[in-house]
Amino acid sequence: MEVTGSRAEKRAATAERILLAARAEFGDRGMDGATIRGIAARAGIDPSLVLQHYGSKAALFALAVEPVADLGDGDVESHLSDVLDVRLRELDPATRALLRSMLTSSDAAQALRAHLENRADALADGRGDEGRMRAAILVSSILGVTIARHFLDLPALSDLDGDQAAHILGALLEPPA
């Protein structure tokens, strides 16, 4: 399919194709296994264009796995249910790439750490030091559930839905009565 429009529009369309291809390649192969040639092949372009647009595999990886930090509105349990519904369904390529690469790539680990800290800070808002610790445990638990469901195929999680998981995990945020 040929892209019509100005040179800038064609360049932007190529950059977007590369980014989508990179998310898929990193999601399938991780940071270490993905190659510029593989990304270019998925995008249907010459490998030199990948570097021309993004400079390096590491720079492209950082953009491809950048998590969305929007927590949305509503109460904590409703938010947790929404997040868990997303995490329990099929993972998007960027999230899959980030999780697959977090133990072997310092860039992936740093991106995920920043994302989890942002989530924990938002959840702990106004809950003090213990609330921050509880929120960090909660977001870490969501990460663990995501990994166990999608990479380890833990049977007990195969039928779990977001509401059930939010009910169980939401209790971590509140101190015992």
N, C-alpha and C. Protein backbone atom coordinates (compact mmCIF):
# COMPACT_ATOMS: atom_id res chain seq x y z
N MET A 1 0.84 -1.18 0.00
CA MET A 1 0.00 0.00 0.00
C MET A 1 0.89 1.24 0.00
N GLU A 2 0.68 2.09 -0.98
CA GLU A 2 1.49 3.29 -1.09
C GLU A 2 0.82 4.43 -0.32
N VAL A 3 1.64 5.16 0.43
CA VAL A 3 1.14 6.28 1.21
C VAL A 3 1.20 7.53 0.34
N THR A 4 0.08 8.22 0.23
CA THR A 4 0.06 9.46 -0.53
C THR A 4 0.12 10.62 0.44
N GLY A 5 0.51 11.77 -0.07
CA GLY A 5 0.58 12.95 0.76
C GLY A 5 1.95 13.60 0.67
N SER A 6 2.17 14.53 1.53
CA SER A 6 3.43 15.28 1.53
C SER A 6 4.58 14.38 1.99
N ARG A 7 5.78 14.86 1.78
CA ARG A 7 6.97 14.13 2.21
C ARG A 7 6.95 13.93 3.74
N ALA A 8 6.53 14.95 4.47
CA ALA A 8 6.45 14.85 5.94
C ALA A 8 5.43 13.81 6.35
N GLU A 9 4.30 13.73 5.66
CA GLU A 9 3.27 12.74 5.97
C GLU A 9 3.77 11.32 5.68
N LYS A 10 4.49 11.16 4.59
CA LYS A 10 5.07 9.85 4.25
C LYS A 10 6.10 9.44 5.29
N ARG A 11 6.93 10.40 5.71
CA ARG A 11 7.95 10.12 6.72
C ARG A 11 7.30 9.71 8.04
N ALA A 12 6.24 10.42 8.44
CA ALA A 12 5.52 10.10 9.68
C ALA A 12 4.87 8.72 9.58
N ALA A 13 4.31 8.39 8.42
CA ALA A 13 3.68 7.08 8.23
C ALA A 13 4.72 5.97 8.31
N THR A 14 5.90 6.20 7.74
CA THR A 14 6.98 5.20 7.82
C THR A 14 7.44 5.03 9.25
N ALA A 15 7.61 6.13 9.97
CA ALA A 15 8.03 6.06 11.38
C ALA A 15 7.01 5.27 12.20
N GLU A 16 5.73 5.48 11.96
CA GLU A 16 4.68 4.75 12.68
C GLU A 16 4.72 3.27 12.34
N ARG A 17 4.92 2.93 11.05
CA ARG A 17 5.04 1.52 10.65
C ARG A 17 6.22 0.85 11.34
N ILE A 18 7.33 1.57 11.43
CA ILE A 18 8.52 1.03 12.10
C ILE A 18 8.22 0.79 13.57
N LEU A 19 7.58 1.75 14.22
CA LEU A 19 7.27 1.62 15.64
C LEU A 19 6.34 0.44 15.90
N LEU A 20 5.32 0.28 15.08
CA LEU A 20 4.40 -0.87 15.23
C LEU A 20 5.13 -2.19 15.00
N ALA A 21 6.00 -2.22 14.00
CA ALA A 21 6.78 -3.42 13.73
C ALA A 21 7.73 -3.72 14.88
N ALA A 22 8.32 -2.67 15.44
CA ALA A 22 9.25 -2.85 16.57
C ALA A 22 8.52 -3.40 17.78
N ARG A 23 7.33 -2.90 18.07
CA ARG A 23 6.56 -3.44 19.19
C ARG A 23 6.30 -4.92 19.01
N ALA A 24 5.93 -5.31 17.81
CA ALA A 24 5.66 -6.73 17.55
C ALA A 24 6.94 -7.55 17.66
N GLU A 25 8.02 -7.07 17.07
CA GLU A 25 9.30 -7.82 17.09
C GLU A 25 9.85 -7.93 18.51
N PHE A 26 9.84 -6.81 19.26
CA PHE A 26 10.31 -6.86 20.65
C PHE A 26 9.39 -7.73 21.50
N GLY A 27 8.10 -7.69 21.22
CA GLY A 27 7.15 -8.52 21.96
C GLY A 27 7.38 -10.00 21.72
N ASP A 28 7.73 -10.36 20.51
CA ASP A 28 7.98 -11.77 20.18
C ASP A 28 9.36 -12.24 20.61
N ARG A 29 10.36 -11.37 20.51
CA ARG A 29 11.74 -11.80 20.68
C ARG A 29 12.49 -11.15 21.83
N GLY A 30 11.90 -10.11 22.45
CA GLY A 30 12.60 -9.40 23.51
C GLY A 30 13.66 -8.47 22.92
N MET A 31 14.27 -7.67 23.77
CA MET A 31 15.28 -6.71 23.33
C MET A 31 16.49 -7.42 22.73
N ASP A 32 16.96 -8.46 23.37
CA ASP A 32 18.17 -9.14 22.90
C ASP A 32 17.94 -9.91 21.61
N GLY A 33 16.78 -10.51 21.46
CA GLY A 33 16.52 -11.33 20.28
C GLY A 33 16.08 -10.56 19.06
N ALA A 34 15.52 -9.39 19.25
CA ALA A 34 15.04 -8.59 18.12
C ALA A 34 16.23 -8.00 17.37
N THR A 35 16.06 -7.84 16.07
CA THR A 35 17.11 -7.23 15.25
C THR A 35 16.52 -6.10 14.41
N ILE A 36 17.40 -5.20 14.00
CA ILE A 36 16.98 -4.12 13.10
C ILE A 36 16.45 -4.71 11.80
N ARG A 37 17.11 -5.75 11.30
CA ARG A 37 16.65 -6.41 10.06
C ARG A 37 15.25 -7.01 10.25
N GLY A 38 15.01 -7.64 11.39
CA GLY A 38 13.71 -8.22 11.66
C GLY A 38 12.61 -7.17 11.74
N ILE A 39 12.93 -6.05 12.39
CA ILE A 39 11.98 -4.95 12.49
C ILE A 39 11.69 -4.39 11.10
N ALA A 40 12.75 -4.19 10.32
CA ALA A 40 12.58 -3.66 8.96
C ALA A 40 11.75 -4.60 8.10
N ALA A 41 12.00 -5.90 8.22
CA ALA A 41 11.23 -6.87 7.44
C ALA A 41 9.75 -6.80 7.79
N ARG A 42 9.44 -6.69 9.08
CA ARG A 42 8.03 -6.57 9.50
C ARG A 42 7.39 -5.30 8.96
N ALA A 43 8.18 -4.23 8.90
CA ALA A 43 7.67 -2.95 8.42
C ALA A 43 7.67 -2.86 6.89
N GLY A 44 8.36 -3.80 6.23
CA GLY A 44 8.43 -3.80 4.77
C GLY A 44 9.31 -2.69 4.22
N ILE A 45 10.40 -2.40 4.93
CA ILE A 45 11.30 -1.32 4.52
C ILE A 45 12.75 -1.78 4.58
N ASP A 46 13.65 -0.96 4.09
CA ASP A 46 15.08 -1.22 4.18
C ASP A 46 15.55 -0.99 5.61
N PRO A 47 16.44 -1.83 6.14
CA PRO A 47 16.91 -1.66 7.53
C PRO A 47 17.53 -0.29 7.81
N SER A 48 18.13 0.33 6.81
CA SER A 48 18.75 1.65 7.05
C SER A 48 17.71 2.69 7.46
N LEU A 49 16.46 2.51 7.02
CA LEU A 49 15.41 3.47 7.41
C LEU A 49 15.08 3.39 8.90
N VAL A 50 15.20 2.21 9.49
CA VAL A 50 14.95 2.07 10.92
C VAL A 50 15.91 2.96 11.70
N LEU A 51 17.20 2.87 11.35
CA LEU A 51 18.21 3.67 12.03
C LEU A 51 18.09 5.15 11.67
N GLN A 52 17.70 5.43 10.46
CA GLN A 52 17.52 6.83 10.05
C GLN A 52 16.41 7.49 10.87
N HIS A 53 15.36 6.76 11.14
CA HIS A 53 14.23 7.32 11.89
C HIS A 53 14.47 7.33 13.40
N TYR A 54 15.12 6.30 13.93
CA TYR A 54 15.20 6.15 15.39
C TYR A 54 16.61 6.14 15.97
N GLY A 55 17.63 6.09 15.13
CA GLY A 55 19.00 6.23 15.60
C GLY A 55 19.66 4.94 16.06
N SER A 56 18.97 4.15 16.87
CA SER A 56 19.55 2.91 17.38
C SER A 56 18.43 1.97 17.82
N LYS A 57 18.80 0.72 17.98
CA LYS A 57 17.83 -0.27 18.47
C LYS A 57 17.39 0.09 19.89
N ALA A 58 18.34 0.55 20.72
CA ALA A 58 18.00 0.92 22.10
C ALA A 58 17.01 2.08 22.15
N ALA A 59 17.21 3.09 21.31
CA ALA A 59 16.29 4.24 21.28
C ALA A 59 14.90 3.81 20.81
N LEU A 60 14.86 2.96 19.80
CA LEU A 60 13.59 2.45 19.31
C LEU A 60 12.89 1.60 20.37
N PHE A 61 13.66 0.77 21.06
CA PHE A 61 13.10 -0.06 22.12
C PHE A 61 12.46 0.82 23.21
N ALA A 62 13.17 1.87 23.63
CA ALA A 62 12.65 2.75 24.67
C ALA A 62 11.30 3.34 24.27
N LEU A 63 11.15 3.73 23.02
CA LEU A 63 9.86 4.27 22.56
C LEU A 63 8.81 3.17 22.42
N ALA A 64 9.23 2.01 21.93
CA ALA A 64 8.29 0.93 21.66
C ALA A 64 7.65 0.37 22.93
N VAL A 65 8.36 0.43 24.04
CA VAL A 65 7.83 -0.17 25.27
C VAL A 65 7.35 0.86 26.28
N GLU A 66 7.32 2.10 25.90
CA GLU A 66 6.91 3.15 26.84
C GLU A 66 5.50 2.90 27.32
N PRO A 67 5.33 2.64 28.63
CA PRO A 67 3.99 2.35 29.14
C PRO A 67 3.13 3.60 29.26
N VAL A 68 1.83 3.39 29.22
CA VAL A 68 0.88 4.48 29.42
C VAL A 68 0.67 4.63 30.91
N ALA A 69 0.79 5.85 31.42
CA ALA A 69 0.72 6.05 32.86
C ALA A 69 -0.62 6.61 33.35
N ASP A 70 -1.59 6.75 32.46
CA ASP A 70 -2.88 7.33 32.85
C ASP A 70 -3.63 6.39 33.78
N LEU A 71 -3.95 6.88 34.96
CA LEU A 71 -4.69 6.07 35.92
C LEU A 71 -6.20 6.24 35.80
N GLY A 72 -6.63 7.25 35.11
CA GLY A 72 -8.06 7.47 34.96
C GLY A 72 -8.71 7.95 36.24
N ASP A 73 -10.01 8.12 36.18
CA ASP A 73 -10.77 8.58 37.33
C ASP A 73 -11.49 7.41 37.99
N GLY A 74 -12.02 7.65 39.15
CA GLY A 74 -12.81 6.63 39.83
C GLY A 74 -12.11 6.12 41.05
N ASP A 75 -12.81 5.22 41.77
CA ASP A 75 -12.24 4.69 43.01
C ASP A 75 -11.17 3.65 42.70
N VAL A 76 -10.40 3.29 43.71
CA VAL A 76 -9.26 2.40 43.54
C VAL A 76 -9.70 1.03 43.03
N GLU A 77 -10.73 0.44 43.64
CA GLU A 77 -11.14 -0.90 43.21
C GLU A 77 -11.62 -0.90 41.76
N SER A 78 -12.35 0.15 41.36
CA SER A 78 -12.79 0.26 39.97
C SER A 78 -11.58 0.38 39.04
N HIS A 79 -10.60 1.19 39.44
CA HIS A 79 -9.39 1.33 38.64
C HIS A 79 -8.65 0.00 38.54
N LEU A 80 -8.50 -0.69 39.67
CA LEU A 80 -7.81 -1.97 39.68
C LEU A 80 -8.52 -2.97 38.77
N SER A 81 -9.83 -2.98 38.82
CA SER A 81 -10.60 -3.88 37.97
C SER A 81 -10.32 -3.60 36.50
N ASP A 82 -10.29 -2.31 36.13
CA ASP A 82 -10.01 -1.94 34.74
C ASP A 82 -8.60 -2.37 34.34
N VAL A 83 -7.61 -2.08 35.19
CA VAL A 83 -6.22 -2.44 34.90
C VAL A 83 -6.09 -3.95 34.77
N LEU A 84 -6.67 -4.68 35.70
CA LEU A 84 -6.55 -6.13 35.69
C LEU A 84 -7.29 -6.75 34.52
N ASP A 85 -8.43 -6.18 34.13
CA ASP A 85 -9.11 -6.67 32.93
C ASP A 85 -8.18 -6.60 31.73
N VAL A 86 -7.46 -5.49 31.61
CA VAL A 86 -6.51 -5.32 30.51
C VAL A 86 -5.36 -6.31 30.63
N ARG A 87 -4.80 -6.45 31.81
CA ARG A 87 -3.64 -7.32 32.01
C ARG A 87 -3.98 -8.81 31.90
N LEU A 88 -5.24 -9.17 32.14
CA LEU A 88 -5.62 -10.57 32.06
C LEU A 88 -6.03 -10.98 30.64
N ARG A 89 -6.31 -10.00 29.79
CA ARG A 89 -6.57 -10.31 28.38
C ARG A 89 -5.24 -10.40 27.66
N GLU A 90 -5.28 -10.56 26.35
CA GLU A 90 -4.05 -10.62 25.55
C GLU A 90 -3.26 -9.33 25.72
N LEU A 91 -1.97 -9.45 25.97
CA LEU A 91 -1.12 -8.28 26.17
C LEU A 91 -0.84 -7.59 24.85
N ASP A 92 -0.81 -6.26 24.88
CA ASP A 92 -0.43 -5.52 23.68
C ASP A 92 1.07 -5.74 23.44
N PRO A 93 1.53 -5.58 22.20
CA PRO A 93 2.94 -5.86 21.88
C PRO A 93 3.94 -5.06 22.72
N ALA A 94 3.64 -3.80 23.04
CA ALA A 94 4.58 -3.00 23.83
C ALA A 94 4.75 -3.58 25.23
N THR A 95 3.65 -3.95 25.85
CA THR A 95 3.73 -4.53 27.20
C THR A 95 4.43 -5.89 27.17
N ARG A 96 4.11 -6.70 26.17
CA ARG A 96 4.76 -8.00 26.03
C ARG A 96 6.27 -7.82 25.87
N ALA A 97 6.68 -6.85 25.06
CA ALA A 97 8.12 -6.59 24.85
C ALA A 97 8.78 -6.14 26.14
N LEU A 98 8.12 -5.26 26.85
CA LEU A 98 8.69 -4.75 28.10
C LEU A 98 8.86 -5.87 29.11
N LEU A 99 7.85 -6.69 29.29
CA LEU A 99 7.93 -7.77 30.26
C LEU A 99 8.93 -8.84 29.85
N ARG A 100 8.98 -9.14 28.57
CA ARG A 100 9.92 -10.15 28.08
C ARG A 100 11.37 -9.69 28.26
N SER A 101 11.61 -8.39 28.22
CA SER A 101 12.97 -7.85 28.22
C SER A 101 13.43 -7.28 29.55
N MET A 102 12.56 -7.17 30.52
CA MET A 102 12.89 -6.44 31.75
C MET A 102 14.06 -7.05 32.54
N LEU A 103 14.30 -8.33 32.40
CA LEU A 103 15.38 -8.96 33.16
C LEU A 103 16.71 -8.97 32.42
N THR A 104 16.69 -8.67 31.13
CA THR A 104 17.92 -8.70 30.36
C THR A 104 18.32 -7.34 29.80
N SER A 105 17.46 -6.37 29.89
CA SER A 105 17.75 -5.04 29.35
C SER A 105 17.58 -4.00 30.45
N SER A 106 18.65 -3.25 30.71
CA SER A 106 18.54 -2.21 31.74
C SER A 106 17.56 -1.12 31.30
N ASP A 107 17.45 -0.87 29.98
CA ASP A 107 16.48 0.12 29.49
C ASP A 107 15.06 -0.32 29.79
N ALA A 108 14.77 -1.60 29.56
CA ALA A 108 13.43 -2.12 29.85
C ALA A 108 13.16 -2.08 31.35
N ALA A 109 14.14 -2.48 32.15
CA ALA A 109 13.96 -2.46 33.61
C ALA A 109 13.71 -1.05 34.10
N GLN A 110 14.45 -0.09 33.58
CA GLN A 110 14.27 1.31 34.00
C GLN A 110 12.90 1.83 33.59
N ALA A 111 12.45 1.51 32.37
CA ALA A 111 11.13 1.95 31.92
C ALA A 111 10.03 1.36 32.78
N LEU A 112 10.14 0.07 33.08
CA LEU A 112 9.12 -0.58 33.90
C LEU A 112 9.15 -0.06 35.33
N ARG A 113 10.33 0.14 35.88
CA ARG A 113 10.46 0.68 37.25
C ARG A 113 9.78 2.04 37.35
N ALA A 114 10.06 2.92 36.38
CA ALA A 114 9.45 4.26 36.40
C ALA A 114 7.93 4.17 36.31
N HIS A 115 7.45 3.28 35.47
CA HIS A 115 6.00 3.10 35.31
C HIS A 115 5.37 2.60 36.61
N LEU A 116 5.99 1.59 37.23
CA LEU A 116 5.45 1.04 38.48
C LEU A 116 5.50 2.06 39.61
N GLU A 117 6.57 2.85 39.68
CA GLU A 117 6.66 3.90 40.70
C GLU A 117 5.56 4.93 40.51
N ASN A 118 5.31 5.30 39.27
CA ASN A 118 4.25 6.26 38.96
C ASN A 118 2.89 5.72 39.42
N ARG A 119 2.62 4.47 39.09
CA ARG A 119 1.35 3.84 39.50
C ARG A 119 1.23 3.77 41.02
N ALA A 120 2.31 3.33 41.67
CA ALA A 120 2.28 3.20 43.13
C ALA A 120 2.08 4.56 43.79
N ASP A 121 2.78 5.59 43.31
CA ASP A 121 2.62 6.94 43.87
C ASP A 121 1.18 7.43 43.74
N ALA A 122 0.58 7.19 42.59
CA ALA A 122 -0.81 7.63 42.38
C ALA A 122 -1.77 6.88 43.29
N LEU A 123 -1.56 5.58 43.45
CA LEU A 123 -2.44 4.79 44.31
C LEU A 123 -2.26 5.14 45.79
N ALA A 124 -1.04 5.53 46.17
CA ALA A 124 -0.75 5.82 47.58
C ALA A 124 -1.08 7.25 47.97
N ASP A 125 -1.53 8.04 47.05
CA ASP A 125 -1.79 9.46 47.29
C ASP A 125 -2.53 9.67 48.61
N GLY A 126 -1.88 10.34 49.55
CA GLY A 126 -2.50 10.68 50.83
C GLY A 126 -2.54 9.54 51.84
N ARG A 127 -1.86 8.44 51.59
CA ARG A 127 -1.92 7.29 52.49
C ARG A 127 -0.66 7.13 53.33
N GLY A 128 0.27 8.06 53.26
CA GLY A 128 1.47 8.02 54.10
C GLY A 128 2.48 6.97 53.66
N ASP A 129 3.51 6.78 54.49
CA ASP A 129 4.60 5.86 54.15
C ASP A 129 4.13 4.42 54.02
N GLU A 130 3.28 3.97 54.94
CA GLU A 130 2.79 2.60 54.85
C GLU A 130 1.92 2.44 53.59
N GLY A 131 1.16 3.48 53.26
CA GLY A 131 0.35 3.44 52.04
C GLY A 131 1.20 3.31 50.79
N ARG A 132 2.36 4.00 50.78
CA ARG A 132 3.29 3.88 49.64
C ARG A 132 3.82 2.45 49.52
N MET A 133 4.16 1.87 50.66
CA MET A 133 4.66 0.50 50.66
C MET A 133 3.57 -0.47 50.17
N ARG A 134 2.35 -0.29 50.67
CA ARG A 134 1.24 -1.14 50.26
C ARG A 134 0.97 -0.98 48.76
N ALA A 135 1.03 0.25 48.27
CA ALA A 135 0.80 0.49 46.84
C ALA A 135 1.90 -0.16 45.99
N ALA A 136 3.14 -0.10 46.46
CA ALA A 136 4.24 -0.75 45.73
C ALA A 136 4.05 -2.26 45.70
N ILE A 137 3.60 -2.84 46.80
CA ILE A 137 3.31 -4.28 46.83
C ILE A 137 2.16 -4.61 45.88
N LEU A 138 1.16 -3.75 45.84
CA LEU A 138 0.01 -3.97 44.97
C LEU A 138 0.42 -3.96 43.50
N VAL A 139 1.16 -2.93 43.06
CA VAL A 139 1.54 -2.87 41.64
C VAL A 139 2.50 -4.01 41.30
N SER A 140 3.34 -4.40 42.26
CA SER A 140 4.23 -5.55 42.03
C SER A 140 3.42 -6.83 41.90
N SER A 141 2.35 -6.95 42.66
CA SER A 141 1.48 -8.12 42.57
C SER A 141 0.79 -8.19 41.22
N ILE A 142 0.35 -7.05 40.71
CA ILE A 142 -0.27 -7.01 39.39
C ILE A 142 0.74 -7.46 38.33
N LEU A 143 1.97 -7.00 38.47
CA LEU A 143 3.03 -7.44 37.56
C LEU A 143 3.19 -8.96 37.63
N GLY A 144 3.22 -9.49 38.84
CA GLY A 144 3.36 -10.94 39.00
C GLY A 144 2.19 -11.71 38.40
N VAL A 145 0.97 -11.23 38.61
CA VAL A 145 -0.21 -11.87 38.04
C VAL A 145 -0.12 -11.85 36.51
N THR A 146 0.31 -10.72 35.96
CA THR A 146 0.44 -10.59 34.51
C THR A 146 1.44 -11.60 33.95
N ILE A 147 2.59 -11.71 34.60
CA ILE A 147 3.62 -12.65 34.15
C ILE A 147 3.13 -14.09 34.29
N ALA A 148 2.53 -14.41 35.43
CA ALA A 148 2.05 -15.77 35.67
C ALA A 148 0.97 -16.16 34.67
N ARG A 149 0.13 -15.22 34.30
CA ARG A 149 -0.97 -15.51 33.36
C ARG A 149 -0.46 -15.68 31.93
N HIS A 150 0.40 -14.75 31.47
CA HIS A 150 0.76 -14.72 30.06
C HIS A 150 2.04 -15.44 29.69
N PHE A 151 2.97 -15.57 30.62
CA PHE A 151 4.24 -16.20 30.28
C PHE A 151 4.40 -17.58 30.92
N LEU A 152 3.74 -17.80 32.04
CA LEU A 152 3.87 -19.08 32.74
C LEU A 152 2.62 -19.95 32.61
N ASP A 153 1.52 -19.37 32.12
CA ASP A 153 0.25 -20.09 31.96
C ASP A 153 -0.18 -20.80 33.24
N LEU A 154 -0.13 -20.09 34.35
CA LEU A 154 -0.53 -20.65 35.64
C LEU A 154 -2.02 -21.00 35.59
N PRO A 155 -2.38 -22.27 35.73
CA PRO A 155 -3.78 -22.69 35.55
C PRO A 155 -4.78 -21.96 36.44
N ALA A 156 -4.44 -21.68 37.68
CA ALA A 156 -5.39 -21.03 38.59
C ALA A 156 -5.79 -19.64 38.11
N LEU A 157 -5.00 -19.05 37.22
CA LEU A 157 -5.30 -17.70 36.74
C LEU A 157 -5.99 -17.70 35.38
N SER A 158 -6.19 -18.85 34.78
CA SER A 158 -6.72 -18.90 33.42
C SER A 158 -8.13 -18.34 33.29
N ASP A 159 -8.96 -18.47 34.32
CA ASP A 159 -10.33 -17.98 34.27
C ASP A 159 -10.57 -16.75 35.14
N LEU A 160 -9.52 -16.23 35.74
CA LEU A 160 -9.64 -15.06 36.62
C LEU A 160 -10.04 -13.83 35.81
N ASP A 161 -11.01 -13.06 36.31
CA ASP A 161 -11.35 -11.81 35.63
C ASP A 161 -10.91 -10.62 36.48
N GLY A 162 -10.99 -9.45 35.89
CA GLY A 162 -10.51 -8.23 36.54
C GLY A 162 -11.21 -7.92 37.85
N ASP A 163 -12.52 -8.13 37.90
CA ASP A 163 -13.27 -7.84 39.13
C ASP A 163 -12.82 -8.74 40.28
N GLN A 164 -12.66 -10.03 40.00
CA GLN A 164 -12.21 -10.97 41.04
C GLN A 164 -10.82 -10.58 41.54
N ALA A 165 -9.91 -10.33 40.60
CA ALA A 165 -8.55 -9.99 40.97
C ALA A 165 -8.50 -8.67 41.72
N ALA A 166 -9.30 -7.69 41.31
CA ALA A 166 -9.32 -6.39 42.00
C ALA A 166 -9.81 -6.54 43.43
N HIS A 167 -10.80 -7.38 43.63
CA HIS A 167 -11.32 -7.62 44.98
C HIS A 167 -10.24 -8.22 45.88
N ILE A 168 -9.51 -9.19 45.34
CA ILE A 168 -8.46 -9.85 46.12
C ILE A 168 -7.28 -8.90 46.36
N LEU A 169 -6.80 -8.28 45.30
CA LEU A 169 -5.61 -7.44 45.41
C LEU A 169 -5.89 -6.08 46.06
N GLY A 170 -7.10 -5.57 45.90
CA GLY A 170 -7.43 -4.26 46.48
C GLY A 170 -7.28 -4.23 47.99
N ALA A 171 -7.45 -5.38 48.63
CA ALA A 171 -7.29 -5.46 50.09
C ALA A 171 -5.87 -5.15 50.52
N LEU A 172 -4.90 -5.31 49.61
CA LEU A 172 -3.51 -5.01 49.96
C LEU A 172 -3.28 -3.53 50.26
N LEU A 173 -4.11 -2.68 49.69
CA LEU A 173 -3.91 -1.24 49.84
C LEU A 173 -4.38 -0.72 51.19
N GLU A 174 -5.29 -1.40 51.83
CA GLU A 174 -5.85 -0.94 53.11
C GLU A 174 -5.22 -1.65 54.29
N PRO A 175 -4.88 -0.90 55.34
CA PRO A 175 -4.34 -1.55 56.54
C PRO A 175 -5.41 -2.40 57.22
N PRO A 176 -4.99 -3.43 57.95
CA PRO A 176 -5.97 -4.27 58.65
C PRO A 176 -6.77 -3.47 59.66
N ALA A 177 -8.01 -3.85 59.85
CA ALA A 177 -8.90 -3.13 60.80
C ALA A 177 -8.54 -3.39 62.22
